[in-house]
C-alpha atoms as a PDB file:
ATOM      1  CA  SER A   1     122.911  46.709 106.007  1.00  0.00           C
ATOM      2  CA  ALA A   2     120.303  47.939 103.518  1.00  0.00           C
ATOM      3  CA  HIS A   3     117.503  46.857 105.842  1.00  0.00           C
ATOM      4  CA  PRO A   4     118.149  48.246 109.345  1.00  0.00           C
ATOM      5  CA  PRO A   5     116.091  46.885 112.231  1.00  0.00           C
ATOM      6  CA  PRO A   6     112.769  48.592 113.053  1.00  0.00           C
ATOM      7  CA  GLY A   7     113.175  51.670 115.202  1.00  0.00           C
ATOM      8  CA  SER A   8     116.804  52.260 114.279  1.00  0.00           C
ATOM      9  CA  GLN A   9     117.933  55.750 113.306  1.00  0.00           C
ATOM     10  CA  ARG A  10     118.709  54.877 109.688  1.00  0.00           C
ATOM     11  CA  ASP A  11     115.303  53.281 109.325  1.00  0.00           C
ATOM     12  CA  TYR A  12     113.682  56.682 109.851  1.00  0.00           C
ATOM     13  CA  SER A  13     114.715  57.927 106.420  1.00  0.00           C
ATOM     14  CA  PHE A  14     112.182  55.659 104.695  1.00  0.00           C
ATOM     15  CA  ILE A  15     108.414  55.910 104.694  1.00  0.00           C
ATOM     16  CA  SER A  16     106.024  53.239 103.453  1.00  0.00           C
ATOM     17  CA  PHE A  17     102.332  52.668 103.917  1.00  0.00           C
ATOM     18  CA  TRP A  18     100.083  49.693 104.286  1.00  0.00           C
ATOM     19  CA  SER A  19      96.843  50.603 102.604  1.00  0.00           C
ATOM     20  CA  GLU A  20      93.643  48.594 102.961  1.00  0.00           C
ATOM     21  CA  SER A  21      91.783  50.543 100.334  1.00  0.00           C
ATOM     22  CA  MET A  22      93.094  52.180  97.192  1.00  0.00           C
ATOM     23  CA  ILE A  23      91.226  54.278  94.689  1.00  0.00           C
ATOM     24  CA  ARG A  24      92.175  53.248  91.171  1.00  0.00           C
ATOM     25  CA  GLY A  25      94.525  55.639  89.403  1.00  0.00           C
ATOM     26  CA  ARG A  26      92.743  58.396  87.514  1.00  0.00           C
ATOM     27  CA  GLU A  27      93.559  61.422  85.407  1.00  0.00           C
ATOM     28  CA  THR A  28      94.130  64.512  87.523  1.00  0.00           C
ATOM     29  CA  GLN A  29      92.030  67.631  87.136  1.00  0.00           C
ATOM     30  CA  PRO A  30      94.272  69.767  84.865  1.00  0.00           C
ATOM     31  CA  HIS A  31      96.679  71.920  86.890  1.00  0.00           C
ATOM     32  CA  SER A  32      95.167  70.874  90.228  1.00  0.00           C
ATOM     33  CA  ARG A  33      98.721  69.987  91.312  1.00  0.00           C
ATOM     34  CA  PRO A  34     100.638  73.117  90.234  1.00  0.00           C
ATOM     35  CA  TYR A  35     103.783  71.995  92.101  1.00  0.00           C
ATOM     36  CA  MET A  36     104.329  68.963  89.830  1.00  0.00           C
ATOM     37  CA  ALA A  37     107.460  68.981  87.675  1.00  0.00           C
ATOM     38  CA  PHE A  38     108.303  66.711  84.736  1.00  0.00           C
ATOM     39  CA  LEU A  39     112.040  66.047  84.414  1.00  0.00           C
ATOM     40  CA  ASN A  40     113.528  65.196  81.026  1.00  0.00           C
ATOM     41  CA  ILE A  41     116.874  63.534  81.803  1.00  0.00           C
ATOM     42  CA  ARG A  42     119.764  62.856  79.433  1.00  0.00           C
ATOM     43  CA  CYS A  43     122.484  60.422  80.470  1.00  0.00           C
ATOM     44  CA  ARG A  44     125.010  58.846  78.084  1.00  0.00           C
ATOM     45  CA  ASN A  45     122.864  59.679  75.044  1.00  0.00           C
ATOM     46  CA  ARG A  46     119.846  57.972  76.591  1.00  0.00           C
ATOM     47  CA  ARG A  47     116.749  59.811  77.706  1.00  0.00           C
ATOM     48  CA  SER A  48     114.548  59.024  80.681  1.00  0.00           C
ATOM     49  CA  HIS A  49     112.089  60.949  82.805  1.00  0.00           C
ATOM     50  CA  CYS A  50     111.129  61.440  86.422  1.00  0.00           C
ATOM     51  CA  GLY A  51     108.744  63.473  88.478  1.00  0.00           C
ATOM     52  CA  GLY A  52     109.680  66.248  90.871  1.00  0.00           C
ATOM     53  CA  PHE A  53     108.017  69.101  92.720  1.00  0.00           C
ATOM     54  CA  LEU A  54     108.550  72.826  93.120  1.00  0.00           C
ATOM     55  CA  VAL A  55     109.466  73.699  96.720  1.00  0.00           C
ATOM     56  CA  ALA A  56     110.630  77.286  96.053  1.00  0.00           C
ATOM     57  CA  LYS A  57     110.522  79.539  92.978  1.00  0.00           C
ATOM     58  CA  ASN A  58     113.929  78.310  91.855  1.00  0.00           C
ATOM     59  CA  PHE A  59     114.200  74.855  93.467  1.00  0.00           C
ATOM     60  CA  VAL A  60     112.746  71.479  92.538  1.00  0.00           C
ATOM     61  CA  LEU A  61     113.004  68.461  94.834  1.00  0.00           C
ATOM     62  CA  THR A  62     113.283  64.990  93.282  1.00  0.00           C
ATOM     63  CA  ALA A  63     114.961  61.616  93.836  1.00  0.00           C
ATOM     64  CA  ALA A  64     118.761  61.269  93.664  1.00  0.00           C
ATOM     65  CA  HIS A  65     118.435  58.259  91.353  1.00  0.00           C
ATOM     66  CA  CYS A  66     116.931  60.669  88.782  1.00  0.00           C
ATOM     67  CA  ASN A  67     120.336  62.306  88.283  1.00  0.00           C
ATOM     68  CA  GLY A  68     121.822  62.633  84.799  1.00  0.00           C
ATOM     69  CA  GLU A  69     124.233  64.681  82.716  1.00  0.00           C
ATOM     70  CA  ASP A  70     121.541  67.121  81.680  1.00  0.00           C
ATOM     71  CA  ILE A  71     118.088  67.727  83.187  1.00  0.00           C
ATOM     72  CA  THR A  72     115.341  69.940  81.759  1.00  0.00           C
ATOM     73  CA  VAL A  73     112.390  70.792  84.017  1.00  0.00           C
ATOM     74  CA  PHE A  74     108.849  71.284  82.712  1.00  0.00           C
ATOM     75  CA  LEU A  75     106.419  73.087  85.025  1.00  0.00           C
ATOM     76  CA  GLY A  76     102.701  73.711  84.517  1.00  0.00           C
ATOM     77  CA  ALA A  77     102.208  70.586  82.379  1.00  0.00           C
ATOM     78  CA  HIS A  78      99.142  68.363  82.195  1.00  0.00           C
ATOM     79  CA  ASN A  79      99.717  66.568  78.888  1.00  0.00           C
ATOM     80  CA  ILE A  80     103.493  66.465  78.559  1.00  0.00           C
ATOM     81  CA  ARG A  81     103.348  65.675  74.823  1.00  0.00           C
ATOM     82  CA  ARG A  82     101.431  68.851  74.042  1.00  0.00           C
ATOM     83  CA  ASP A  83     102.839  72.345  73.777  1.00  0.00           C
ATOM     84  CA  GLU A  84     100.491  73.770  76.417  1.00  0.00           C
ATOM     85  CA  GLU A  85     100.397  77.534  77.045  1.00  0.00           C
ATOM     86  CA  THR A  86     100.722  76.907  80.780  1.00  0.00           C
ATOM     87  CA  GLN A  87     104.046  75.066  80.448  1.00  0.00           C
ATOM     88  CA  GLN A  88     107.355  76.590  81.530  1.00  0.00           C
ATOM     89  CA  ARG A  89     110.561  74.898  80.402  1.00  0.00           C
ATOM     90  CA  VAL A  90     113.557  75.661  82.626  1.00  0.00           C
ATOM     91  CA  SER A  91     117.143  74.416  82.578  1.00  0.00           C
ATOM     92  CA  VAL A  92     118.912  73.260  85.731  1.00  0.00           C
ATOM     93  CA  LYS A  93     121.789  75.346  87.092  1.00  0.00           C
ATOM     94  CA  HIS A  94     122.941  73.000  89.875  1.00  0.00           C
ATOM     95  CA  LYS A  95     122.136  69.376  90.694  1.00  0.00           C
ATOM     96  CA  ILE A  96     122.713  68.578  94.377  1.00  0.00           C
ATOM     97  CA  PRO A  97     122.098  64.929  95.281  1.00  0.00           C
ATOM     98  CA  HIS A  98     122.133  64.213  99.016  1.00  0.00           C
ATOM     99  CA  PRO A  99     125.778  63.441  99.918  1.00  0.00           C
ATOM    100  CA  GLY A 100     124.677  60.256 101.691  1.00  0.00           C
ATOM    101  CA  TYR A 101     122.779  58.797  98.719  1.00  0.00           C
ATOM    102  CA  ASN A 102     123.383  55.047  98.335  1.00  0.00           C
ATOM    103  CA  LYS A 103     122.320  53.706  94.944  1.00  0.00           C
ATOM    104  CA  MET A 104     122.310  50.126  96.203  1.00  0.00           C
ATOM    105  CA  SER A 105     119.978  50.602  99.195  1.00  0.00           C
ATOM    106  CA  PHE A 106     118.269  53.825  97.992  1.00  0.00           C
ATOM    107  CA  GLU A 107     119.015  55.443 101.339  1.00  0.00           C
ATOM    108  CA  ASN A 108     118.968  59.263 101.246  1.00  0.00           C
ATOM    109  CA  ASP A 109     117.374  59.156  97.778  1.00  0.00           C
ATOM    110  CA  LEU A 110     116.732  62.864  97.290  1.00  0.00           C
ATOM    111  CA  MET A 111     118.192  65.638  95.170  1.00  0.00           C
ATOM    112  CA  LEU A 112     117.681  69.389  94.920  1.00  0.00           C
ATOM    113  CA  LEU A 113     117.695  71.058  91.511  1.00  0.00           C
ATOM    114  CA  GLN A 114     118.433  74.779  91.361  1.00  0.00           C
ATOM    115  CA  LEU A 115     116.796  76.294  88.300  1.00  0.00           C
ATOM    116  CA  VAL A 116     118.630  78.695  85.980  1.00  0.00           C
ATOM    117  CA  LYS A 117     115.830  81.225  86.530  1.00  0.00           C
ATOM    118  CA  PRO A 118     112.949  81.345  89.016  1.00  0.00           C
ATOM    119  CA  ALA A 119     109.645  79.877  87.899  1.00  0.00           C
ATOM    120  CA  GLU A 120     106.881  82.346  87.172  1.00  0.00           C
ATOM    121  CA  LEU A 121     104.134  81.509  89.666  1.00  0.00           C
ATOM    122  CA  THR A 122     100.743  81.180  87.931  1.00  0.00           C
ATOM    123  CA  ASP A 123      97.491  79.247  88.406  1.00  0.00           C
ATOM    124  CA  ALA A 124      99.280  76.270  86.806  1.00  0.00           C
ATOM    125  CA  VAL A 125     102.680  76.665  88.518  1.00  0.00           C
ATOM    126  CA  GLY A 126     103.124  76.913  92.284  1.00  0.00           C
ATOM    127  CA  THR A 127     105.085  75.567  95.225  1.00  0.00           C
ATOM    128  CA  ILE A 128     104.136  72.888  97.765  1.00  0.00           C
ATOM    129  CA  PRO A 129     105.058  73.268 101.453  1.00  0.00           C
ATOM    130  CA  LEU A 130     107.510  70.941 103.177  1.00  0.00           C
ATOM    131  CA  PRO A 131     106.639  69.330 106.524  1.00  0.00           C
ATOM    132  CA  GLN A 132     108.172  70.370 109.832  1.00  0.00           C
ATOM    133  CA  ALA A 133     111.463  68.610 110.577  1.00  0.00           C
ATOM    134  CA  GLY A 134     110.735  65.224 112.135  1.00  0.00           C
ATOM    135  CA  GLN A 135     106.973  65.458 111.565  1.00  0.00           C
ATOM    136  CA  ALA A 136     105.214  62.081 111.230  1.00  0.00           C
ATOM    137  CA  VAL A 137     102.294  61.348 108.942  1.00  0.00           C
ATOM    138  CA  GLU A 138      99.105  61.020 110.988  1.00  0.00           C
ATOM    139  CA  SER A 139      97.465  57.627 110.958  1.00  0.00           C
ATOM    140  CA  GLY A 140      94.299  57.819 108.899  1.00  0.00           C
ATOM    141  CA  ALA A 141      95.593  60.580 106.635  1.00  0.00           C
ATOM    142  CA  VAL A 142      94.720  60.235 102.965  1.00  0.00           C
ATOM    143  CA  CYS A 143      97.855  60.658 100.891  1.00  0.00           C
ATOM    144  CA  SER A 144      98.263  60.731  97.135  1.00  0.00           C
ATOM    145  CA  VAL A 145     100.908  60.273  94.470  1.00  0.00           C
ATOM    146  CA  ALA A 146     100.808  61.715  90.950  1.00  0.00           C
ATOM    147  CA  GLY A 147     102.949  61.228  87.888  1.00  0.00           C
ATOM    148  CA  TRP A 148     103.312  60.635  84.174  1.00  0.00           C
ATOM    149  CA  GLY A 149     104.296  56.985  84.584  1.00  0.00           C
ATOM    150  CA  ARG A 150     102.535  53.736  83.772  1.00  0.00           C
ATOM    151  CA  THR A 151      98.792  53.348  84.198  1.00  0.00           C
ATOM    152  CA  SER A 152      99.062  49.578  83.775  1.00  0.00           C
ATOM    153  CA  LEU A 153     101.815  47.031  83.226  1.00  0.00           C
ATOM    154  CA  LYS A 154     101.795  47.756  79.478  1.00  0.00           C
ATOM    155  CA  ALA A 155     100.494  51.289  79.052  1.00  0.00           C
ATOM    156  CA  THR A 156     102.320  54.555  79.657  1.00  0.00           C
ATOM    157  CA  THR A 157     100.662  57.946  79.729  1.00  0.00           C
ATOM    158  CA  SER A 158     101.512  61.496  78.696  1.00  0.00           C
ATOM    159  CA  ILE A 159      98.758  62.873  80.942  1.00  0.00           C
ATOM    160  CA  LEU A 160      99.240  63.451  84.665  1.00  0.00           C
ATOM    161  CA  HIS A 161      97.522  60.723  86.720  1.00  0.00           C
ATOM    162  CA  GLU A 162      97.052  60.340  90.468  1.00  0.00           C
ATOM    163  CA  VAL A 163      96.377  57.574  92.957  1.00  0.00           C
ATOM    164  CA  GLU A 164      95.188  57.927  96.557  1.00  0.00           C
ATOM    165  CA  LEU A 165      96.475  55.878  99.477  1.00  0.00           C
ATOM    166  CA  ASP A 166      94.329  55.455 102.570  1.00  0.00           C
ATOM    167  CA  VAL A 167      97.023  55.435 105.236  1.00  0.00           C
ATOM    168  CA  MET A 168      96.428  53.002 108.071  1.00  0.00           C
ATOM    169  CA  SER A 169      99.702  53.600 109.890  1.00  0.00           C
ATOM    170  CA  ASP A 170     102.979  55.462 109.458  1.00  0.00           C
ATOM    171  CA  GLU A 171     105.175  52.416 108.850  1.00  0.00           C
ATOM    172  CA  THR A 172     108.921  52.847 108.730  1.00  0.00           C
ATOM    173  CA  SER A 173     110.224  49.308 109.016  1.00  0.00           C
ATOM    174  CA  SER A 174     108.852  47.564 105.954  1.00  0.00           C
ATOM    175  CA  ILE A 175     108.403  48.106 102.246  1.00  0.00           C
ATOM    176  CA  HIS A 176     105.016  47.311 100.758  1.00  0.00           C
ATOM    177  CA  PRO A 177     104.034  46.717  97.131  1.00  0.00           C
ATOM    178  CA  LEU A 178     102.005  49.481  95.533  1.00  0.00           C
ATOM    179  CA  PRO A 179      99.961  49.500  92.315  1.00  0.00           C
ATOM    180  CA  PRO A 180     101.691  49.642  88.912  1.00  0.00           C
ATOM    181  CA  LEU A 181     100.714  53.312  88.560  1.00  0.00           C
ATOM    182  CA  ILE A 182     103.566  54.167  90.882  1.00  0.00           C
ATOM    183  CA  SER A 183     106.229  53.242  88.370  1.00  0.00           C
ATOM    184  CA  GLN A 184     109.657  54.470  87.413  1.00  0.00           C
ATOM    185  CA  GLY A 185     108.073  57.350  85.516  1.00  0.00           C
ATOM    186  CA  ASP A 186     106.722  58.629  88.819  1.00  0.00           C
ATOM    187  CA  SER A 187     110.056  58.390  90.656  1.00  0.00           C
ATOM    188  CA  GLY A 188     110.965  61.681  92.296  1.00  0.00           C
ATOM    189  CA  GLY A 189     107.373  62.868  92.577  1.00  0.00           C
ATOM    190  CA  PRO A 190     105.837  63.817  95.923  1.00  0.00           C
ATOM    191  CA  LEU A 191     103.772  61.757  98.332  1.00  0.00           C
ATOM    192  CA  VAL A 192     101.260  64.443  99.346  1.00  0.00           C
ATOM    193  CA  CYS A 193      99.471  64.231 102.702  1.00  0.00           C
ATOM    194  CA  ASN A 194      97.147  67.064 103.783  1.00  0.00           C
ATOM    195  CA  GLY A 195      98.670  69.421 101.229  1.00  0.00           C
ATOM    196  CA  THR A 196     102.255  68.795 102.355  1.00  0.00           C
ATOM    197  CA  ALA A 197     105.060  66.932 100.556  1.00  0.00           C
ATOM    198  CA  GLN A 198     105.737  64.152 103.081  1.00  0.00           C
ATOM    199  CA  GLY A 199     107.592  61.751 100.798  1.00  0.00           C
ATOM    200  CA  ILE A 200     109.537  61.400  97.554  1.00  0.00           C
ATOM    201  CA  VAL A 201     108.786  58.387  95.370  1.00  0.00           C
ATOM    202  CA  SER A 202     111.831  56.111  95.391  1.00  0.00           C
ATOM    203  CA  PHE A 203     111.980  52.531  94.178  1.00  0.00           C
ATOM    204  CA  GLY A 204     113.692  49.203  94.711  1.00  0.00           C
ATOM    205  CA  LYS A 205     113.326  45.648  93.489  1.00  0.00           C
ATOM    206  CA  LYS A 206     113.515  42.408  95.407  1.00  0.00           C
ATOM    207  CA  ASN A 207     112.374  38.890  94.456  1.00  0.00           C
ATOM    208  CA  ARG A 208     111.315  40.241  91.042  1.00  0.00           C
ATOM    209  CA  SER A 209     108.451  42.166  92.632  1.00  0.00           C
ATOM    210  CA  PRO A 210     108.075  45.901  92.013  1.00  0.00           C
ATOM    211  CA  LEU A 211     108.370  47.293  95.532  1.00  0.00           C
ATOM    212  CA  ARG A 212     108.081  50.964  96.337  1.00  0.00           C
ATOM    213  CA  VAL A 213     109.314  53.120  99.143  1.00  0.00           C
ATOM    214  CA  PHE A 214     109.162  56.848  99.758  1.00  0.00           C
ATOM    215  CA  THR A 215     112.024  58.932 101.083  1.00  0.00           C
ATOM    216  CA  ARG A 216     110.738  60.647 104.235  1.00  0.00           C
ATOM    217  CA  VAL A 217     110.977  64.401 103.582  1.00  0.00           C
ATOM    218  CA  SER A 218     110.638  65.440 107.252  1.00  0.00           C
ATOM    219  CA  ALA A 219     113.920  63.654 108.052  1.00  0.00           C
ATOM    220  CA  TYR A 220     115.750  65.901 105.558  1.00  0.00           C
ATOM    221  CA  VAL A 221     114.127  69.322 106.008  1.00  0.00           C
ATOM    222  CA  PRO A 222     117.231  70.793 107.736  1.00  0.00           C
ATOM    223  CA  TRP A 223     119.482  69.621 104.846  1.00  0.00           C
ATOM    224  CA  ILE A 224     117.016  70.879 102.217  1.00  0.00           C
ATOM    225  CA  GLU A 225     116.668  74.332 103.806  1.00  0.00           C
ATOM    226  CA  ARG A 226     120.405  74.648 104.490  1.00  0.00           C
ATOM    227  CA  THR A 227     121.270  73.684 100.906  1.00  0.00           C
ATOM    228  CA  MET A 228     118.758  76.095  99.371  1.00  0.00           C
ATOM    229  CA  ARG A 229     120.008  78.901 101.624  1.00  0.00           C
ATOM    230  CA  GLY A 230     123.639  78.193 100.716  1.00  0.00           C
ATOM    231  CA  LEU A 231     122.987  78.117  96.974  1.00  0.00           C
ATOM    232  CA  SER A 232     120.848  81.255  97.070  1.00  0.00           C
ATOM    233  CA  SER A 233     123.486  83.248  98.969  1.00  0.00           C
ATOM    234  CA  HIS A 234     126.648  81.958  97.283  1.00  0.00           C
ATOM    235  CA  GLY A 235     125.446  81.999  93.698  1.00  0.00           C
ATOM    236  CA  PRO A 236     127.358  79.868  91.214  1.00  0.00           C
ATOM    237  CA  HIS A 237     130.466  79.480  93.419  1.00  0.00           C
ATOM    238  CA  VAL A 238     128.893  76.891  95.661  1.00  0.00           C
ATOM    239  CA  GLU A 239     130.846  74.053  97.215  1.00  0.00           C
ATOM    240  CA  ARG A 240     129.442  70.995  95.466  1.00  0.00           C
ATOM    241  CA  PRO A 241     129.696  67.466  96.831  1.00  0.00           C
ATOM    242  CA  GLY A 242     132.107  65.221  94.953  1.00  0.00           C
ATOM    243  CA  PRO A 243     131.221  61.863  93.425  1.00  0.00           C
ATOM    244  CA  LEU A 244     129.886  59.274  95.848  1.00  0.00           C
ATOM    245  CA  HIS A 245     131.296  55.760  96.045  1.00  0.00           C
END
């Protein structure tokens, strides 16, 4: 079932927060989140975009539902519509969605992108650390999400915005509504807690309400590290997972 009972093993792959206080979305300080990646995605002659984040010089982590025929990664961006000197545009060499990704339930909604060439690390471009495997988010932690998505139900933005979540508890059994800022344009971006990428913005809809969940990164650290190691050592002749059904 798409909604396993609380405490079950499958349930652990999701993370969602109940927040009693939220700071309204605001523009980020330029390049204060150097790990943020903007993904330009082409699929069947249609273009869409997602967020992502740099976890190694040549790897970006994002959501599996952000997959497409062709993905271009922009690093070091603040205003994505401007040709900023800080921006680095990099093509993707390999797209590796998690083999257990389920597009109906959004389980295992994560994907690694291996870049054609390593990013040049600068003040505007840098990596974000992953949590320890199995690490929980501490109750009371202040987490944040950033992206180039909607700032209201009608308005979209080309400038990176952020919203903070005051975490009351590390819920795993339920999915809570979050503000419109966390929209499809932010899918794939990181949920950052204490400087660590603890979640990946996923999404799902039920009863016509925009509901949001995060994929729990700590549940997948072994897969992420193993996959990056395998791609780095085997080069282009990597065993790639086949299509999922």
